[in-house]
C-alpha cells in the first residue's frame, strides 16, 4: 500500500504523454473486453463500472439505489461512450471518452493536491499518472 499526492497538473501531464496514455487506455480496454471481440458491449462496460462501485457508495458508505435507476445511469454512461451509436464501444471511442474524463478530473483538482492511499497493484489511471510523474522526478537529467 502506498500514498500518492496528485493535482490537476499530474493528470494533465499523464494525458499529454500520448505514448503512456495510449498504452494505459489500451491495456484497460483489453482487460474490459472480456470476449476479445475488439469492442465493449453494454454489459462489459457496466461490469467495469460496477466493479468501481462509484454509483453504489457515497464517501465509502453503501447507498441503496433502486436497480432501475442504476440501469438508467449505466445506460447513460454507455451512451456517452458509444459516440457513433453503433451499440458497442470501440477502442477509439474508449480512448476519446477516457481522455475527456481525465481532463475533467484534472480541471476539478486544479492546483489543489489530493492524497490517495492505493494498493501497490492498483492499475487506475490516477495511479499511473502519479507513477509517471514520480518516474520523471527520479530520472537523471539529460
C-alpha atoms as a PDB file:
ATOM      1  CA  UNK A   1       0.000   0.000   0.000  1.00  0.00           C
ATOM      2  CA  UNK A   2       1.260   3.459  -0.807  1.00  0.00           C
ATOM      3  CA  UNK A   3       0.276   7.082  -0.658  1.00  0.00           C
ATOM      4  CA  UNK A   4       0.388   9.334  -3.710  1.00  0.00           C
ATOM      5  CA  UNK A   5      -0.242  13.035  -3.967  1.00  0.00           C
ATOM      6  CA  UNK A   6      -1.617  14.370  -7.217  1.00  0.00           C
ATOM      7  CA  UNK A   7      -3.161  17.535  -8.563  1.00  0.00           C
ATOM      8  CA  UNK A   8      -4.574  18.597 -11.910  1.00  0.00           C
ATOM      9  CA  UNK A   9      -1.139  19.062 -13.458  1.00  0.00           C
ATOM     10  CA  UNK A  10      -0.237  15.429 -12.657  1.00  0.00           C
ATOM     11  CA  UNK A  11      -3.314  14.180 -14.509  1.00  0.00           C
ATOM     12  CA  UNK A  12      -2.810  16.607 -17.425  1.00  0.00           C
ATOM     13  CA  UNK A  13       0.814  15.502 -17.843  1.00  0.00           C
ATOM     14  CA  UNK A  14      -0.328  11.870 -17.981  1.00  0.00           C
ATOM     15  CA  UNK A  15      -2.901  12.631 -20.696  1.00  0.00           C
ATOM     16  CA  UNK A  16      -0.360  14.756 -22.604  1.00  0.00           C
ATOM     17  CA  UNK A  17       2.134  11.882 -22.672  1.00  0.00           C
ATOM     18  CA  UNK A  18       0.499  10.271 -25.701  1.00  0.00           C
ATOM     19  CA  UNK A  19       2.537   7.077 -25.562  1.00  0.00           C
ATOM     20  CA  UNK A  20       1.885   6.375 -21.854  1.00  0.00           C
ATOM     21  CA  UNK A  21      -1.754   7.440 -22.052  1.00  0.00           C
ATOM     22  CA  UNK A  22      -2.449   5.296 -25.132  1.00  0.00           C
ATOM     23  CA  UNK A  23      -0.677   2.294 -23.595  1.00  0.00           C
ATOM     24  CA  UNK A  24      -2.643   2.586 -20.338  1.00  0.00           C
ATOM     25  CA  UNK A  25      -6.007   3.095 -22.000  1.00  0.00           C
ATOM     26  CA  UNK A  26      -5.379   0.258 -24.455  1.00  0.00           C
ATOM     27  CA  UNK A  27      -4.471  -2.095 -21.579  1.00  0.00           C
ATOM     28  CA  UNK A  28      -7.641  -1.140 -19.715  1.00  0.00           C
ATOM     29  CA  UNK A  29      -9.730  -1.625 -22.835  1.00  0.00           C
ATOM     30  CA  UNK A  30      -8.238  -5.093 -23.411  1.00  0.00           C
ATOM     31  CA  UNK A  31      -8.963  -6.070 -19.796  1.00  0.00           C
ATOM     32  CA  UNK A  32     -12.586  -4.925 -20.136  1.00  0.00           C
ATOM     33  CA  UNK A  33     -13.115  -6.688 -23.474  1.00  0.00           C
ATOM     34  CA  UNK A  34     -13.989  -9.999 -21.846  1.00  0.00           C
ATOM     35  CA  UNK A  35     -14.833 -11.846 -25.071  1.00  0.00           C
ATOM     36  CA  UNK A  36     -11.886 -10.348 -27.001  1.00  0.00           C
ATOM     37  CA  UNK A  37     -14.024  -9.152 -29.914  1.00  0.00           C
ATOM     38  CA  UNK A  38     -12.352  -5.743 -30.112  1.00  0.00           C
ATOM     39  CA  UNK A  39     -15.338  -3.764 -28.821  1.00  0.00           C
ATOM     40  CA  UNK A  40     -17.018  -3.240 -25.477  1.00  0.00           C
ATOM     41  CA  UNK A  41     -20.619  -4.269 -25.111  1.00  0.00           C
ATOM     42  CA  UNK A  42     -23.064  -2.605 -22.784  1.00  0.00           C
ATOM     43  CA  UNK A  43     -22.638  -5.440 -20.250  1.00  0.00           C
ATOM     44  CA  UNK A  44     -18.812  -5.348 -20.397  1.00  0.00           C
ATOM     45  CA  UNK A  45     -18.722  -1.630 -19.702  1.00  0.00           C
ATOM     46  CA  UNK A  46     -21.332  -1.980 -16.971  1.00  0.00           C
ATOM     47  CA  UNK A  47     -19.279  -4.698 -15.238  1.00  0.00           C
ATOM     48  CA  UNK A  48     -16.290  -2.354 -15.256  1.00  0.00           C
ATOM     49  CA  UNK A  49     -18.229   0.490 -13.661  1.00  0.00           C
ATOM     50  CA  UNK A  50     -19.926  -1.852 -11.182  1.00  0.00           C
ATOM     51  CA  UNK A  51     -16.507  -3.046 -10.033  1.00  0.00           C
ATOM     52  CA  UNK A  52     -15.551   0.562  -9.276  1.00  0.00           C
ATOM     53  CA  UNK A  53     -18.682   0.953  -7.111  1.00  0.00           C
ATOM     54  CA  UNK A  54     -18.865   4.646  -7.969  1.00  0.00           C
ATOM     55  CA  UNK A  55     -22.636   4.707  -8.048  1.00  0.00           C
ATOM     56  CA  UNK A  56     -23.366   2.351  -5.150  1.00  0.00           C
ATOM     57  CA  UNK A  57     -21.440   4.188  -2.457  1.00  0.00           C
ATOM     58  CA  UNK A  58     -21.165   7.696  -1.131  1.00  0.00           C
ATOM     59  CA  UNK A  59     -17.864   8.511   0.557  1.00  0.00           C
ATOM     60  CA  UNK A  60     -17.298   4.797   1.117  1.00  0.00           C
ATOM     61  CA  UNK A  61     -20.726   4.165   2.651  1.00  0.00           C
ATOM     62  CA  UNK A  62     -23.039   1.845   0.746  1.00  0.00           C
ATOM     63  CA  UNK A  63     -26.102   3.538  -0.686  1.00  0.00           C
ATOM     64  CA  UNK A  64     -29.211   1.673  -1.731  1.00  0.00           C
ATOM     65  CA  UNK A  65     -30.040   2.736  -5.269  1.00  0.00           C
ATOM     66  CA  UNK A  66     -33.036   1.163  -6.988  1.00  0.00           C
ATOM     67  CA  UNK A  67     -31.925  -1.282  -9.712  1.00  0.00           C
ATOM     68  CA  UNK A  68     -33.892   0.557 -12.402  1.00  0.00           C
ATOM     69  CA  UNK A  69     -32.132   3.808 -11.506  1.00  0.00           C
ATOM     70  CA  UNK A  70     -28.732   2.069 -11.669  1.00  0.00           C
ATOM     71  CA  UNK A  71     -29.615   0.615 -15.069  1.00  0.00           C
ATOM     72  CA  UNK A  72     -30.606   4.060 -16.303  1.00  0.00           C
ATOM     73  CA  UNK A  73     -27.323   5.535 -15.050  1.00  0.00           C
ATOM     74  CA  UNK A  74     -25.225   2.759 -16.587  1.00  0.00           C
ATOM     75  CA  UNK A  75     -27.085   3.080 -19.874  1.00  0.00           C
ATOM     76  CA  UNK A  76     -26.438   6.815 -19.994  1.00  0.00           C
ATOM     77  CA  UNK A  77     -22.727   6.208 -19.309  1.00  0.00           C
ATOM     78  CA  UNK A  78     -22.617   3.648 -22.113  1.00  0.00           C
ATOM     79  CA  UNK A  79     -24.411   6.012 -24.495  1.00  0.00           C
ATOM     80  CA  UNK A  80     -21.819   8.669 -23.704  1.00  0.00           C
ATOM     81  CA  UNK A  81     -19.009   6.270 -24.634  1.00  0.00           C
ATOM     82  CA  UNK A  82     -20.822   4.961 -27.742  1.00  0.00           C
ATOM     83  CA  UNK A  83     -20.226   8.130 -29.764  1.00  0.00           C
ATOM     84  CA  UNK A  84     -21.322   6.674 -33.109  1.00  0.00           C
ATOM     85  CA  UNK A  85     -24.436   4.959 -31.727  1.00  0.00           C
ATOM     86  CA  UNK A  86     -23.320   1.544 -33.004  1.00  0.00           C
ATOM     87  CA  UNK A  87     -24.302  -0.294 -29.816  1.00  0.00           C
ATOM     88  CA  UNK A  88     -20.681  -1.048 -28.967  1.00  0.00           C
ATOM     89  CA  UNK A  89     -17.681   0.994 -27.817  1.00  0.00           C
ATOM     90  CA  UNK A  90     -14.567   0.632 -29.930  1.00  0.00           C
ATOM     91  CA  UNK A  91     -11.049   1.431 -28.797  1.00  0.00           C
ATOM     92  CA  UNK A  92     -11.040   4.915 -30.342  1.00  0.00           C
ATOM     93  CA  UNK A  93     -14.317   5.850 -28.629  1.00  0.00           C
ATOM     94  CA  UNK A  94     -12.996   4.499 -25.333  1.00  0.00           C
ATOM     95  CA  UNK A  95      -9.750   6.495 -25.652  1.00  0.00           C
ATOM     96  CA  UNK A  96     -11.625   9.664 -26.515  1.00  0.00           C
ATOM     97  CA  UNK A  97     -14.032   9.430 -23.583  1.00  0.00           C
ATOM     98  CA  UNK A  98     -11.327   8.445 -21.088  1.00  0.00           C
ATOM     99  CA  UNK A  99      -9.322  11.485 -22.172  1.00  0.00           C
ATOM    100  CA  UNK A 100     -12.359  13.728 -21.572  1.00  0.00           C
ATOM    101  CA  UNK A 101     -12.981  12.138 -18.170  1.00  0.00           C
ATOM    102  CA  UNK A 102      -9.372  12.505 -17.043  1.00  0.00           C
ATOM    103  CA  UNK A 103      -9.184  16.118 -18.228  1.00  0.00           C
ATOM    104  CA  UNK A 104     -12.415  16.837 -16.331  1.00  0.00           C
ATOM    105  CA  UNK A 105     -10.825  15.293 -13.222  1.00  0.00           C
ATOM    106  CA  UNK A 106      -7.756  17.491 -13.808  1.00  0.00           C
ATOM    107  CA  UNK A 107      -9.991  20.560 -14.060  1.00  0.00           C
ATOM    108  CA  UNK A 108     -11.759  19.560 -10.854  1.00  0.00           C
ATOM    109  CA  UNK A 109      -8.493  19.084  -8.989  1.00  0.00           C
ATOM    110  CA  UNK A 110      -6.939  22.281 -10.302  1.00  0.00           C
ATOM    111  CA  UNK A 111      -3.826  23.105  -8.329  1.00  0.00           C
ATOM    112  CA  UNK A 112      -5.197  21.649  -5.104  1.00  0.00           C
ATOM    113  CA  UNK A 113      -3.255  18.486  -4.288  1.00  0.00           C
ATOM    114  CA  UNK A 114      -5.081  15.440  -3.013  1.00  0.00           C
ATOM    115  CA  UNK A 115      -3.642  12.496  -1.158  1.00  0.00           C
ATOM    116  CA  UNK A 116      -4.696   8.991  -2.181  1.00  0.00           C
ATOM    117  CA  UNK A 117      -3.967   5.692  -0.465  1.00  0.00           C
ATOM    118  CA  UNK A 118      -3.627   2.976  -3.081  1.00  0.00           C
ATOM    119  CA  UNK A 119      -2.740  -0.681  -3.194  1.00  0.00           C
ATOM    120  CA  UNK A 120       0.651  -1.373  -4.789  1.00  0.00           C
ATOM    121  CA  UNK A 121      -1.001  -3.321  -7.614  1.00  0.00           C
ATOM    122  CA  UNK A 122      -3.602  -0.609  -8.311  1.00  0.00           C
ATOM    123  CA  UNK A 123      -3.864  -0.055 -12.069  1.00  0.00           C
ATOM    124  CA  UNK A 124      -6.080   3.045 -12.037  1.00  0.00           C
ATOM    125  CA  UNK A 125      -5.338   5.908 -14.373  1.00  0.00           C
ATOM    126  CA  UNK A 126      -4.706   8.233 -11.428  1.00  0.00           C
ATOM    127  CA  UNK A 127      -2.106   5.824 -10.011  1.00  0.00           C
ATOM    128  CA  UNK A 128      -0.472   5.587 -13.416  1.00  0.00           C
ATOM    129  CA  UNK A 129      -0.421   9.392 -13.634  1.00  0.00           C
ATOM    130  CA  UNK A 130       1.278   9.589 -10.232  1.00  0.00           C
ATOM    131  CA  UNK A 131       3.774   6.868 -11.217  1.00  0.00           C
ATOM    132  CA  UNK A 132       4.634   8.711 -14.431  1.00  0.00           C
ATOM    133  CA  UNK A 133       5.250  11.939 -12.533  1.00  0.00           C
ATOM    134  CA  UNK A 134       7.421  10.110  -9.967  1.00  0.00           C
ATOM    135  CA  UNK A 135       9.454   8.465 -12.748  1.00  0.00           C
ATOM    136  CA  UNK A 136      10.114  11.870 -14.320  1.00  0.00           C
ATOM    137  CA  UNK A 137      11.238  13.286 -10.985  1.00  0.00           C
ATOM    138  CA  UNK A 138      13.610  10.363 -10.408  1.00  0.00           C
ATOM    139  CA  UNK A 139      15.025  10.296 -13.943  1.00  0.00           C
ATOM    140  CA  UNK A 140      18.577  11.588 -14.276  1.00  0.00           C
ATOM    141  CA  UNK A 141      18.825  14.934 -16.090  1.00  0.00           C
ATOM    142  CA  UNK A 142      19.568  14.602 -19.773  1.00  0.00           C
END
